[in-house]
Every structure is written in C-alpha cells, then in structure tokens.
Amino acid sequence: MSTTSYNLPALSNEGGLAAYLAQIKKFPMLDAEEEYMLAKNWQTTGNVKSAEKLVTSHLRLVAKIAMGYKGYGLPLNEMISEGNVGLMQAVKKFEPEKGFRLATYAMWWIKASIQEYILRSWSLVKIGTTTAQKKLFFNLKKLKNQIAPRAEGDLRDEHVKDIANRLDVSEEEVVSMNRRLSGKEQSLNAPIGEDGDEWQDWVVDNEMDHELKFAQNEEMEQRKDLLQDSIKILNDREKEILYSRRLTDNPVTLEDLSKKFKISRERIRQIENKAFEKLQKHMLNSAKSKNLLPAN
C-alpha cells in the first residue's frame, strides 16, 4: 500500500499546510458500524475506495498526534506526512473483527512512523547519538515543565544544573539541546493564513478529541499492565536501579546509587542499561503475543 493508492489532499512544503488542514476538516467522521463495514469490505475484496475512506476520515487524528511532537524542531508538514504513512499501514493491517476501533489501532503506527522520522532526522545532525543524549532529547521538555514551566529562551543556571544531574549529562548538552528545541518550537497559537486563525483552530474537533482520549487511556492501561507483568523478570537490584533511574519523576543520580550499592558509577550504568533492555524486550514480546502491537 503506497501513498499513491489514494486521492489524498496535497501537503506541500511551500506554505500549503494551512490549506491541507482546511481540507482534511471536510472529511466526515465514521461511526462504528460504517467503519466496520468499510474495513471488512477492504479486507475481503480489496476495494481501494473503502480503504481511502478509512484513511481520509482519520487524517485529523494524524495531525493532532503530530502536533504533540512539535517541540522537536522539525517541520510539522513532514511529521504529518510520516504519520499519514503510518496510518495507511494501519488501515492495511487492521482487523475489525477484533473489536477495536481503527483509531485505537492506528495510534501505534502513526506514533511509530513519526518517532522513527524524528530520530532519523536528528541523528543526521549528530544529535541524540548516545543513550544519555537520547534520554535528554526525549525528556528535556517534560523536566522543563516540572522545574520551570513558564521559562522561555535559555534556562537559568540552577535549572540547567538540576536537569543535567537528573539525566546524567553535561550542563553544556542541556543548554545546547534546549536551544535547538525551543528555538524552533511552533506554537499552537501561531497565526496561519490571512484571516487571523490559529493552528489549534484547524485541528480541534470535539468528536475526535473524545475518541483520541479513549484510545490514549486504553493504551496507557495496556502499558501499565505490560510493565507490571514484565518487571517480574528482573532481580531486586535491577528493579531498584531501574525504578530509581527511569521509572520515577525524580531520577536518582549514578553517584548516589554507586554509594548505596558500593559499586562504581559505570557498573550502575551497565546494570541500568541491561535491565532496561531486558524489560523492553519482554514487554515487546508480550505486547505482540497479546496482539497489542501491530505485526510487521
């Protein structure tokens, strides 16, 4: 299934994003019965028109999810395009008889496509190449909101030091990453077009908000269950180190854990990484076995 299979609105690089967002608002939402019939028709007969209707009715979902990644300093139109590819893959593999709505299933594909694009794009400019840098890349915004929710531009020295300590990176890396991310961030309140409309005006849809919220809550519950089940494979030391370093809002430093367990900082780091890899692998295998993740 390729993007050329469907008659989708054009998403150009030359100021076409506003027009695109206006176009996708015209596609009607599907109720559960119509969605099921279209999906079964596509699944059994290969009717491209049915698949196209499933895709176009969820383009606003892709745009809303892409907005959530606006802080990573990449063109929103490109993230939407990547998310659309994920959506089309989801439609291709969707099995309506399992009882889930398409939005719930498609979220995994849309997010995966966008996140892969983000990591691929940032790695091209040598950002996030180490484990610590990747952790900084994906956690800086959350920590900023906790420590200095209204801060704009450069962070204060004490905030830089706090974030560097929590994520075990240098203060210079925190400053550099913050400048790269905040310098390109696109506000949802930024005007588009000539009528004074804002970004959020083009993607807000109460019906989609409700469906997306339901899907997100369901996804969160599934992840909690997977985590609780998978954490059992770790020994007590691995559990404590992993919880202290990655599963808390206030990560413990390598130095503090080194003193507690009377081993080196590097050994703590090794145990943390090994435990995380074991946990991640077990969660992934469990998710696939329970049909919670799309199969490649």
C-alpha atoms as a PDB file:
ATOM      1  CA  MET A   1       0.000   0.000   0.000  1.00  0.00           C
ATOM      2  CA  SER A   2       1.547   3.297  -1.039  1.00  0.00           C
ATOM      3  CA  THR A   3       0.575   6.925  -0.755  1.00  0.00           C
ATOM      4  CA  THR A   4      -0.175   6.967  -4.497  1.00  0.00           C
ATOM      5  CA  SER A   5      -3.020   4.476  -3.939  1.00  0.00           C
ATOM      6  CA  TYR A   6      -5.274   7.185  -2.562  1.00  0.00           C
ATOM      7  CA  ASN A   7      -6.599  10.539  -3.626  1.00  0.00           C
ATOM      8  CA  LEU A   8      -5.346  12.403  -0.546  1.00  0.00           C
ATOM      9  CA  PRO A   9      -5.091  16.178  -0.078  1.00  0.00           C
ATOM     10  CA  ALA A  10      -1.719  17.561  -1.143  1.00  0.00           C
ATOM     11  CA  LEU A  11       0.696  18.511   1.645  1.00  0.00           C
ATOM     12  CA  SER A  12       3.346  20.704   0.053  1.00  0.00           C
ATOM     13  CA  ASN A  13       6.417  22.392   1.516  1.00  0.00           C
ATOM     14  CA  GLU A  14       5.526  25.810   0.123  1.00  0.00           C
ATOM     15  CA  GLY A  15       3.016  27.167   2.617  1.00  0.00           C
ATOM     16  CA  GLY A  16       0.433  24.504   1.862  1.00  0.00           C
ATOM     17  CA  LEU A  17      -0.111  23.341   5.433  1.00  0.00           C
ATOM     18  CA  ALA A  18      -2.993  25.725   6.171  1.00  0.00           C
ATOM     19  CA  ALA A  19      -4.826  24.647   3.027  1.00  0.00           C
ATOM     20  CA  TYR A  20      -4.213  20.992   3.856  1.00  0.00           C
ATOM     21  CA  LEU A  21      -5.597  21.343   7.393  1.00  0.00           C
ATOM     22  CA  ALA A  22      -8.657  23.085   5.985  1.00  0.00           C
ATOM     23  CA  GLN A  23      -9.191  20.264   3.500  1.00  0.00           C
ATOM     24  CA  ILE A  24      -8.976  17.397   5.964  1.00  0.00           C
ATOM     25  CA  LYS A  25     -11.628  19.006   8.191  1.00  0.00           C
ATOM     26  CA  LYS A  26     -14.111  18.367   5.374  1.00  0.00           C
ATOM     27  CA  PHE A  27     -13.819  14.585   5.595  1.00  0.00           C
ATOM     28  CA  PRO A  28     -16.638  13.193   7.780  1.00  0.00           C
ATOM     29  CA  MET A  29     -16.043  11.073  10.859  1.00  0.00           C
ATOM     30  CA  LEU A  30     -17.230   7.459  10.706  1.00  0.00           C
ATOM     31  CA  ASP A  31     -19.493   5.796  13.225  1.00  0.00           C
ATOM     32  CA  ALA A  32     -18.519   2.337  14.469  1.00  0.00           C
ATOM     33  CA  GLU A  33     -20.836   0.448  12.114  1.00  0.00           C
ATOM     34  CA  GLU A  34     -19.744   2.273   8.962  1.00  0.00           C
ATOM     35  CA  GLU A  35     -16.085   1.896   9.927  1.00  0.00           C
ATOM     36  CA  TYR A  36     -16.565  -1.844  10.428  1.00  0.00           C
ATOM     37  CA  MET A  37     -18.314  -2.334   7.067  1.00  0.00           C
ATOM     38  CA  LEU A  38     -15.651  -0.349   5.186  1.00  0.00           C
ATOM     39  CA  ALA A  39     -12.853  -2.266   6.890  1.00  0.00           C
ATOM     40  CA  LYS A  40     -14.455  -5.636   6.116  1.00  0.00           C
ATOM     41  CA  ASN A  41     -15.019  -4.609   2.504  1.00  0.00           C
ATOM     42  CA  TRP A  42     -11.368  -3.583   2.163  1.00  0.00           C
ATOM     43  CA  GLN A  43     -10.211  -6.747   3.927  1.00  0.00           C
ATOM     44  CA  THR A  44     -12.266  -9.187   1.849  1.00  0.00           C
ATOM     45  CA  THR A  45     -12.455  -7.529  -1.580  1.00  0.00           C
ATOM     46  CA  GLY A  46      -9.505  -5.134  -1.650  1.00  0.00           C
ATOM     47  CA  ASN A  47     -11.798  -2.229  -2.504  1.00  0.00           C
ATOM     48  CA  VAL A  48      -9.437   0.762  -2.560  1.00  0.00           C
ATOM     49  CA  LYS A  49     -12.298   3.246  -2.198  1.00  0.00           C
ATOM     50  CA  SER A  50     -13.206   1.706   1.166  1.00  0.00           C
ATOM     51  CA  ALA A  51      -9.604   1.915   2.333  1.00  0.00           C
ATOM     52  CA  GLU A  52      -9.353   5.505   1.110  1.00  0.00           C
ATOM     53  CA  LYS A  53     -12.417   6.486   3.138  1.00  0.00           C
ATOM     54  CA  LEU A  54     -10.931   4.859   6.247  1.00  0.00           C
ATOM     55  CA  VAL A  55      -7.711   6.814   5.727  1.00  0.00           C
ATOM     56  CA  THR A  56      -9.235  10.220   4.978  1.00  0.00           C
ATOM     57  CA  SER A  57     -11.594  10.029   7.954  1.00  0.00           C
ATOM     58  CA  HIS A  58      -8.565   9.706  10.246  1.00  0.00           C
ATOM     59  CA  LEU A  59      -6.294  12.373   8.755  1.00  0.00           C
ATOM     60  CA  ARG A  60      -7.254  14.759  11.570  1.00  0.00           C
ATOM     61  CA  LEU A  61      -6.085  12.142  14.073  1.00  0.00           C
ATOM     62  CA  VAL A  62      -2.661  12.144  12.409  1.00  0.00           C
ATOM     63  CA  ALA A  63      -2.497  15.941  12.526  1.00  0.00           C
ATOM     64  CA  LYS A  64      -3.381  16.004  16.242  1.00  0.00           C
ATOM     65  CA  ILE A  65      -0.775  13.361  17.091  1.00  0.00           C
ATOM     66  CA  ALA A  66       1.869  15.170  15.015  1.00  0.00           C
ATOM     67  CA  MET A  67       1.121  18.375  16.977  1.00  0.00           C
ATOM     68  CA  GLY A  68       2.261  16.528  20.092  1.00  0.00           C
ATOM     69  CA  TYR A  69       5.766  16.292  18.609  1.00  0.00           C
ATOM     70  CA  LYS A  70       6.010  19.940  17.599  1.00  0.00           C
ATOM     71  CA  GLY A  71       8.718  20.602  20.194  1.00  0.00           C
ATOM     72  CA  TYR A  72      11.345  18.541  18.399  1.00  0.00           C
ATOM     73  CA  GLY A  73      12.204  21.286  15.936  1.00  0.00           C
ATOM     74  CA  LEU A  74      11.145  19.517  12.736  1.00  0.00           C
ATOM     75  CA  PRO A  75       8.694  20.693  10.035  1.00  0.00           C
ATOM     76  CA  LEU A  76       5.142  19.877  11.061  1.00  0.00           C
ATOM     77  CA  ASN A  77       4.114  19.096   7.500  1.00  0.00           C
ATOM     78  CA  GLU A  78       6.817  16.435   7.253  1.00  0.00           C
ATOM     79  CA  MET A  79       5.755  14.837  10.540  1.00  0.00           C
ATOM     80  CA  ILE A  80       2.160  14.767   9.317  1.00  0.00           C
ATOM     81  CA  SER A  81       3.290  13.118   6.068  1.00  0.00           C
ATOM     82  CA  GLU A  82       5.175  10.458   8.036  1.00  0.00           C
ATOM     83  CA  GLY A  83       2.164   9.947  10.270  1.00  0.00           C
ATOM     84  CA  ASN A  84      -0.047   9.505   7.207  1.00  0.00           C
ATOM     85  CA  VAL A  85       2.224   6.698   6.034  1.00  0.00           C
ATOM     86  CA  GLY A  86       1.781   5.020   9.408  1.00  0.00           C
ATOM     87  CA  LEU A  87      -1.990   5.472   9.166  1.00  0.00           C
ATOM     88  CA  MET A  88      -2.075   3.797   5.767  1.00  0.00           C
ATOM     89  CA  GLN A  89      -0.080   0.864   7.083  1.00  0.00           C
ATOM     90  CA  ALA A  90      -2.548   0.583   9.966  1.00  0.00           C
ATOM     91  CA  VAL A  91      -5.507   0.503   7.574  1.00  0.00           C
ATOM     92  CA  LYS A  92      -3.762  -2.173   5.533  1.00  0.00           C
ATOM     93  CA  LYS A  93      -3.352  -4.454   8.563  1.00  0.00           C
ATOM     94  CA  PHE A  94      -6.492  -3.505  10.531  1.00  0.00           C
ATOM     95  CA  GLU A  95      -8.684  -6.444  11.617  1.00  0.00           C
ATOM     96  CA  PRO A  96     -12.112  -5.022  12.565  1.00  0.00           C
ATOM     97  CA  GLU A  97     -13.432  -8.309  13.954  1.00  0.00           C
ATOM     98  CA  LYS A  98     -11.120  -7.964  16.955  1.00  0.00           C
ATOM     99  CA  GLY A  99     -13.469  -5.318  18.307  1.00  0.00           C
ATOM    100  CA  PHE A 100     -11.150  -2.273  18.425  1.00  0.00           C
ATOM    101  CA  ARG A 101     -11.825   0.986  16.637  1.00  0.00           C
ATOM    102  CA  LEU A 102      -9.358   1.915  13.932  1.00  0.00           C
ATOM    103  CA  ALA A 103      -8.145   4.989  15.866  1.00  0.00           C
ATOM    104  CA  THR A 104      -7.009   2.813  18.785  1.00  0.00           C
ATOM    105  CA  TYR A 105      -5.017   0.519  16.494  1.00  0.00           C
ATOM    106  CA  ALA A 106      -3.697   3.240  14.177  1.00  0.00           C
ATOM    107  CA  MET A 107      -2.185   5.298  17.003  1.00  0.00           C
ATOM    108  CA  TRP A 108       0.668   2.767  17.347  1.00  0.00           C
ATOM    109  CA  TRP A 109       1.510   3.012  13.661  1.00  0.00           C
ATOM    110  CA  ILE A 110       1.192   6.797  13.471  1.00  0.00           C
ATOM    111  CA  LYS A 111       3.378   7.390  16.527  1.00  0.00           C
ATOM    112  CA  ALA A 112       5.964   4.834  15.401  1.00  0.00           C
ATOM    113  CA  SER A 113       6.272   6.463  11.972  1.00  0.00           C
ATOM    114  CA  ILE A 114       6.649   9.960  13.414  1.00  0.00           C
ATOM    115  CA  GLN A 115       9.121   8.895  16.120  1.00  0.00           C
ATOM    116  CA  GLU A 116      11.237   6.997  13.599  1.00  0.00           C
ATOM    117  CA  TYR A 117      11.336  10.095  11.401  1.00  0.00           C
ATOM    118  CA  ILE A 118      12.332  12.278  14.371  1.00  0.00           C
ATOM    119  CA  LEU A 119      15.181  10.003  15.444  1.00  0.00           C
ATOM    120  CA  ARG A 120      16.343   9.560  11.858  1.00  0.00           C
ATOM    121  CA  SER A 121      16.305  13.306  11.217  1.00  0.00           C
ATOM    122  CA  TRP A 122      18.088  14.257  14.430  1.00  0.00           C
ATOM    123  CA  SER A 123      20.715  11.561  14.008  1.00  0.00           C
ATOM    124  CA  LEU A 124      21.598  13.128  10.669  1.00  0.00           C
ATOM    125  CA  VAL A 125      22.815  16.209  12.518  1.00  0.00           C
ATOM    126  CA  LYS A 126      24.589  14.156  15.191  1.00  0.00           C
ATOM    127  CA  ILE A 127      22.037  14.780  17.939  1.00  0.00           C
ATOM    128  CA  GLY A 128      20.983  12.031  20.314  1.00  0.00           C
ATOM    129  CA  THR A 129      23.708   9.598  19.295  1.00  0.00           C
ATOM    130  CA  THR A 130      24.375   8.254  22.800  1.00  0.00           C
ATOM    131  CA  THR A 131      21.927   6.736  25.256  1.00  0.00           C
ATOM    132  CA  ALA A 132      22.238   9.728  27.571  1.00  0.00           C
ATOM    133  CA  GLN A 133      21.680  12.213  24.740  1.00  0.00           C
ATOM    134  CA  LYS A 134      18.614  10.349  23.514  1.00  0.00           C
ATOM    135  CA  LYS A 135      17.273  10.373  27.055  1.00  0.00           C
ATOM    136  CA  LEU A 136      17.906  14.124  27.214  1.00  0.00           C
ATOM    137  CA  PHE A 137      16.254  14.612  23.817  1.00  0.00           C
ATOM    138  CA  PHE A 138      13.004  12.911  24.801  1.00  0.00           C
ATOM    139  CA  ASN A 139      12.837  14.088  28.446  1.00  0.00           C
ATOM    140  CA  LEU A 140      14.055  17.690  28.404  1.00  0.00           C
ATOM    141  CA  LYS A 141      10.669  19.211  27.677  1.00  0.00           C
ATOM    142  CA  LYS A 142       8.960  17.249  30.475  1.00  0.00           C
ATOM    143  CA  LEU A 143      11.613  18.231  33.014  1.00  0.00           C
ATOM    144  CA  LYS A 144      11.463  21.865  31.924  1.00  0.00           C
ATOM    145  CA  ASN A 145       7.706  21.875  32.565  1.00  0.00           C
ATOM    146  CA  GLN A 146       8.308  20.462  36.049  1.00  0.00           C
ATOM    147  CA  ILE A 147      11.180  22.729  37.035  1.00  0.00           C
ATOM    148  CA  ALA A 148      10.458  25.951  35.154  1.00  0.00           C
ATOM    149  CA  PRO A 149       7.021  25.728  33.483  1.00  0.00           C
ATOM    150  CA  ARG A 150       6.962  29.331  32.283  1.00  0.00           C
ATOM    151  CA  ALA A 151      10.598  29.669  31.272  1.00  0.00           C
ATOM    152  CA  GLU A 152      11.357  30.863  27.747  1.00  0.00           C
ATOM    153  CA  GLY A 153      14.679  31.016  25.964  1.00  0.00           C
ATOM    154  CA  ASP A 154      17.776  29.946  27.883  1.00  0.00           C
ATOM    155  CA  LEU A 155      17.308  28.150  31.193  1.00  0.00           C
ATOM    156  CA  ARG A 156      18.649  29.593  34.433  1.00  0.00           C
ATOM    157  CA  ASP A 157      21.925  28.115  35.655  1.00  0.00           C
ATOM    158  CA  GLU A 158      20.330  26.272  38.585  1.00  0.00           C
ATOM    159  CA  HIS A 159      17.742  24.707  36.263  1.00  0.00           C
ATOM    160  CA  VAL A 160      20.440  23.598  33.840  1.00  0.00           C
ATOM    161  CA  LYS A 161      22.400  22.021  36.680  1.00  0.00           C
ATOM    162  CA  ASP A 162      19.304  20.260  38.040  1.00  0.00           C
ATOM    163  CA  ILE A 163      18.369  18.750  34.654  1.00  0.00           C
ATOM    164  CA  ALA A 164      21.957  17.723  33.930  1.00  0.00           C
ATOM    165  CA  ASN A 165      22.144  15.986  37.297  1.00  0.00           C
ATOM    166  CA  ARG A 166      18.827  14.173  36.855  1.00  0.00           C
ATOM    167  CA  LEU A 167      19.653  12.883  33.374  1.00  0.00           C
ATOM    168  CA  ASP A 168      23.388  12.405  33.959  1.00  0.00           C
ATOM    169  CA  VAL A 169      24.518  14.573  31.055  1.00  0.00           C
ATOM    170  CA  SER A 170      26.736  17.638  30.930  1.00  0.00           C
ATOM    171  CA  GLU A 171      25.338  21.118  31.506  1.00  0.00           C
ATOM    172  CA  GLU A 172      26.612  22.111  28.053  1.00  0.00           C
ATOM    173  CA  GLU A 173      24.476  19.363  26.480  1.00  0.00           C
ATOM    174  CA  VAL A 174      21.391  20.612  28.308  1.00  0.00           C
ATOM    175  CA  VAL A 175      21.958  24.194  27.135  1.00  0.00           C
ATOM    176  CA  SER A 176      22.615  23.102  23.545  1.00  0.00           C
ATOM    177  CA  MET A 177      19.596  20.794  23.340  1.00  0.00           C
ATOM    178  CA  ASN A 178      17.297  23.372  24.921  1.00  0.00           C
ATOM    179  CA  ARG A 179      18.341  25.987  22.378  1.00  0.00           C
ATOM    180  CA  ARG A 180      17.797  23.591  19.479  1.00  0.00           C
ATOM    181  CA  LEU A 181      14.354  22.535  20.677  1.00  0.00           C
ATOM    182  CA  SER A 182      12.930  25.809  21.972  1.00  0.00           C
ATOM    183  CA  GLY A 183      14.349  27.830  19.120  1.00  0.00           C
ATOM    184  CA  LYS A 184      12.246  26.044  16.535  1.00  0.00           C
ATOM    185  CA  GLU A 185       9.121  25.231  18.502  1.00  0.00           C
ATOM    186  CA  GLN A 186       5.891  26.127  16.726  1.00  0.00           C
ATOM    187  CA  SER A 187       3.150  27.453  18.986  1.00  0.00           C
ATOM    188  CA  LEU A 188      -0.399  26.170  18.573  1.00  0.00           C
ATOM    189  CA  ASN A 189      -1.454  29.804  18.850  1.00  0.00           C
ATOM    190  CA  ALA A 190       0.685  30.970  15.941  1.00  0.00           C
ATOM    191  CA  PRO A 191      -1.421  32.564  13.177  1.00  0.00           C
ATOM    192  CA  ILE A 192      -1.857  30.932   9.780  1.00  0.00           C
ATOM    193  CA  GLY A 193      -3.460  32.255   6.636  1.00  0.00           C
ATOM    194  CA  GLU A 194      -4.778  35.775   6.261  1.00  0.00           C
ATOM    195  CA  ASP A 195      -7.899  35.501   8.433  1.00  0.00           C
ATOM    196  CA  GLY A 196      -6.207  35.512  11.839  1.00  0.00           C
ATOM    197  CA  ASP A 197      -6.899  31.820  12.512  1.00  0.00           C
ATOM    198  CA  GLU A 198      -4.553  29.826  14.722  1.00  0.00           C
ATOM    199  CA  TRP A 199      -3.050  26.346  14.348  1.00  0.00           C
ATOM    200  CA  GLN A 200      -5.322  24.894  17.003  1.00  0.00           C
ATOM    201  CA  ASP A 201      -8.423  26.172  15.206  1.00  0.00           C
ATOM    202  CA  TRP A 202      -7.684  23.860  12.304  1.00  0.00           C
ATOM    203  CA  VAL A 203      -7.227  20.638  14.251  1.00  0.00           C
ATOM    204  CA  VAL A 204      -9.658  20.925  17.169  1.00  0.00           C
ATOM    205  CA  ASP A 205     -12.534  18.509  16.771  1.00  0.00           C
ATOM    206  CA  ASN A 206     -14.537  17.561  19.861  1.00  0.00           C
ATOM    207  CA  GLU A 207     -15.585  14.193  18.487  1.00  0.00           C
ATOM    208  CA  MET A 208     -12.006  13.278  17.606  1.00  0.00           C
ATOM    209  CA  ASP A 209     -10.814  14.554  20.984  1.00  0.00           C
ATOM    210  CA  HIS A 210     -13.140  12.099  22.708  1.00  0.00           C
ATOM    211  CA  GLU A 211     -12.039   9.185  20.537  1.00  0.00           C
ATOM    212  CA  LEU A 212      -8.354  10.043  20.895  1.00  0.00           C
ATOM    213  CA  LYS A 213      -8.686  10.384  24.673  1.00  0.00           C
ATOM    214  CA  PHE A 214     -10.323   6.962  24.875  1.00  0.00           C
ATOM    215  CA  ALA A 215      -7.574   5.414  22.761  1.00  0.00           C
ATOM    216  CA  GLN A 216      -4.844   7.080  24.820  1.00  0.00           C
ATOM    217  CA  ASN A 217      -6.371   5.882  28.101  1.00  0.00           C
ATOM    218  CA  GLU A 218      -6.643   2.365  26.743  1.00  0.00           C
ATOM    219  CA  GLU A 219      -3.039   2.475  25.557  1.00  0.00           C
ATOM    220  CA  MET A 220      -1.854   3.718  28.960  1.00  0.00           C
ATOM    221  CA  GLU A 221      -3.653   0.907  30.796  1.00  0.00           C
ATOM    222  CA  GLN A 222      -2.130  -1.661  28.448  1.00  0.00           C
ATOM    223  CA  ARG A 223       1.353  -0.270  29.058  1.00  0.00           C
ATOM    224  CA  LYS A 224       0.859  -0.340  32.828  1.00  0.00           C
ATOM    225  CA  ASP A 225      -0.228  -3.979  32.687  1.00  0.00           C
ATOM    226  CA  LEU A 226       2.728  -4.890  30.471  1.00  0.00           C
ATOM    227  CA  LEU A 227       5.161  -3.100  32.775  1.00  0.00           C
ATOM    228  CA  GLN A 228       3.816  -4.737  35.930  1.00  0.00           C
ATOM    229  CA  ASP A 229       3.997  -8.161  34.320  1.00  0.00           C
ATOM    230  CA  SER A 230       7.431  -7.686  32.747  1.00  0.00           C
ATOM    231  CA  ILE A 231       9.150  -6.115  35.764  1.00  0.00           C
ATOM    232  CA  LYS A 232       8.948  -9.522  37.471  1.00  0.00           C
ATOM    233  CA  ILE A 233      11.761 -10.876  35.293  1.00  0.00           C
ATOM    234  CA  LEU A 234      14.291  -8.526  36.963  1.00  0.00           C
ATOM    235  CA  ASN A 235      16.127  -9.287  40.188  1.00  0.00           C
ATOM    236  CA  ASP A 236      15.767  -6.988  43.206  1.00  0.00           C
ATOM    237  CA  ARG A 237      18.883  -4.932  42.459  1.00  0.00           C
ATOM    238  CA  GLU A 238      17.922  -4.462  38.801  1.00  0.00           C
ATOM    239  CA  LYS A 239      14.400  -3.413  39.816  1.00  0.00           C
ATOM    240  CA  GLU A 240      15.596  -0.819  42.311  1.00  0.00           C
ATOM    241  CA  ILE A 241      18.174   0.671  39.961  1.00  0.00           C
ATOM    242  CA  LEU A 242      15.755   0.797  37.031  1.00  0.00           C
ATOM    243  CA  TYR A 243      12.997   2.351  39.140  1.00  0.00           C
ATOM    244  CA  SER A 244      15.435   4.879  40.591  1.00  0.00           C
ATOM    245  CA  ARG A 245      16.860   5.874  37.218  1.00  0.00           C
ATOM    246  CA  ARG A 246      13.999   5.622  34.701  1.00  0.00           C
ATOM    247  CA  LEU A 247      10.655   4.994  36.345  1.00  0.00           C
ATOM    248  CA  THR A 248      10.411   7.995  38.624  1.00  0.00           C
ATOM    249  CA  ASP A 249       9.798  11.703  38.074  1.00  0.00           C
ATOM    250  CA  ASN A 250      12.928  12.485  40.121  1.00  0.00           C
ATOM    251  CA  PRO A 251      15.733  10.171  38.920  1.00  0.00           C
ATOM    252  CA  VAL A 252      18.442   9.251  41.420  1.00  0.00           C
ATOM    253  CA  THR A 253      21.986  10.106  40.344  1.00  0.00           C
ATOM    254  CA  LEU A 254      24.562   7.474  39.450  1.00  0.00           C
ATOM    255  CA  GLU A 255      26.712   8.793  42.277  1.00  0.00           C
ATOM    256  CA  ASP A 256      24.040   8.191  44.936  1.00  0.00           C
ATOM    257  CA  LEU A 257      23.304   4.683  43.690  1.00  0.00           C
ATOM    258  CA  SER A 258      27.014   3.957  43.499  1.00  0.00           C
ATOM    259  CA  LYS A 259      27.360   4.771  47.193  1.00  0.00           C
ATOM    260  CA  LYS A 260      24.293   2.769  48.147  1.00  0.00           C
ATOM    261  CA  PHE A 261      25.297  -0.427  46.351  1.00  0.00           C
ATOM    262  CA  LYS A 262      29.051   0.105  46.890  1.00  0.00           C
ATOM    263  CA  ILE A 263      29.893  -0.339  43.225  1.00  0.00           C
ATOM    264  CA  SER A 264      31.157   2.064  40.570  1.00  0.00           C
ATOM    265  CA  ARG A 265      29.044   4.569  38.672  1.00  0.00           C
ATOM    266  CA  GLU A 266      29.863   2.734  35.461  1.00  0.00           C
ATOM    267  CA  ARG A 267      28.644  -0.552  36.936  1.00  0.00           C
ATOM    268  CA  ILE A 268      25.370   1.131  37.951  1.00  0.00           C
ATOM    269  CA  ARG A 269      25.003   2.409  34.394  1.00  0.00           C
ATOM    270  CA  GLN A 270      25.642  -1.076  32.984  1.00  0.00           C
ATOM    271  CA  ILE A 271      23.038  -2.658  35.264  1.00  0.00           C
ATOM    272  CA  GLU A 272      20.539   0.067  34.394  1.00  0.00           C
ATOM    273  CA  ASN A 273      21.008  -0.403  30.641  1.00  0.00           C
ATOM    274  CA  LYS A 274      20.913  -4.202  30.858  1.00  0.00           C
ATOM    275  CA  ALA A 275      17.760  -4.158  32.999  1.00  0.00           C
ATOM    276  CA  PHE A 276      16.085  -1.710  30.623  1.00  0.00           C
ATOM    277  CA  GLU A 277      16.938  -3.868  27.603  1.00  0.00           C
ATOM    278  CA  LYS A 278      15.572  -6.994  29.336  1.00  0.00           C
ATOM    279  CA  LEU A 279      12.400  -5.177  30.322  1.00  0.00           C
ATOM    280  CA  GLN A 280      11.911  -3.634  26.880  1.00  0.00           C
ATOM    281  CA  LYS A 281      12.387  -6.980  25.112  1.00  0.00           C
ATOM    282  CA  HIS A 282       9.960  -8.773  27.424  1.00  0.00           C
ATOM    283  CA  MET A 283       7.331  -6.026  27.086  1.00  0.00           C
ATOM    284  CA  LEU A 284       7.640  -6.061  23.293  1.00  0.00           C
ATOM    285  CA  ASN A 285       7.273  -9.844  23.102  1.00  0.00           C
ATOM    286  CA  SER A 286       4.311  -9.769  25.491  1.00  0.00           C
ATOM    287  CA  ALA A 287       2.627  -6.990  23.532  1.00  0.00           C
ATOM    288  CA  LYS A 288       2.972  -8.889  20.276  1.00  0.00           C
ATOM    289  CA  SER A 289       1.719 -12.144  21.787  1.00  0.00           C
ATOM    290  CA  LYS A 290      -1.363 -10.328  23.105  1.00  0.00           C
ATOM    291  CA  ASN A 291      -1.965  -8.540  19.759  1.00  0.00           C
ATOM    292  CA  LEU A 292      -1.397  -5.166  21.399  1.00  0.00           C
ATOM    293  CA  LEU A 293       1.144  -4.119  18.788  1.00  0.00           C
ATOM    294  CA  PRO A 294       0.872  -4.289  15.018  1.00  0.00           C
ATOM    295  CA  ALA A 295       2.928  -7.082  13.488  1.00  0.00           C
ATOM    296  CA  ASN A 296       5.499  -6.139  10.874  1.00  0.00           C
END
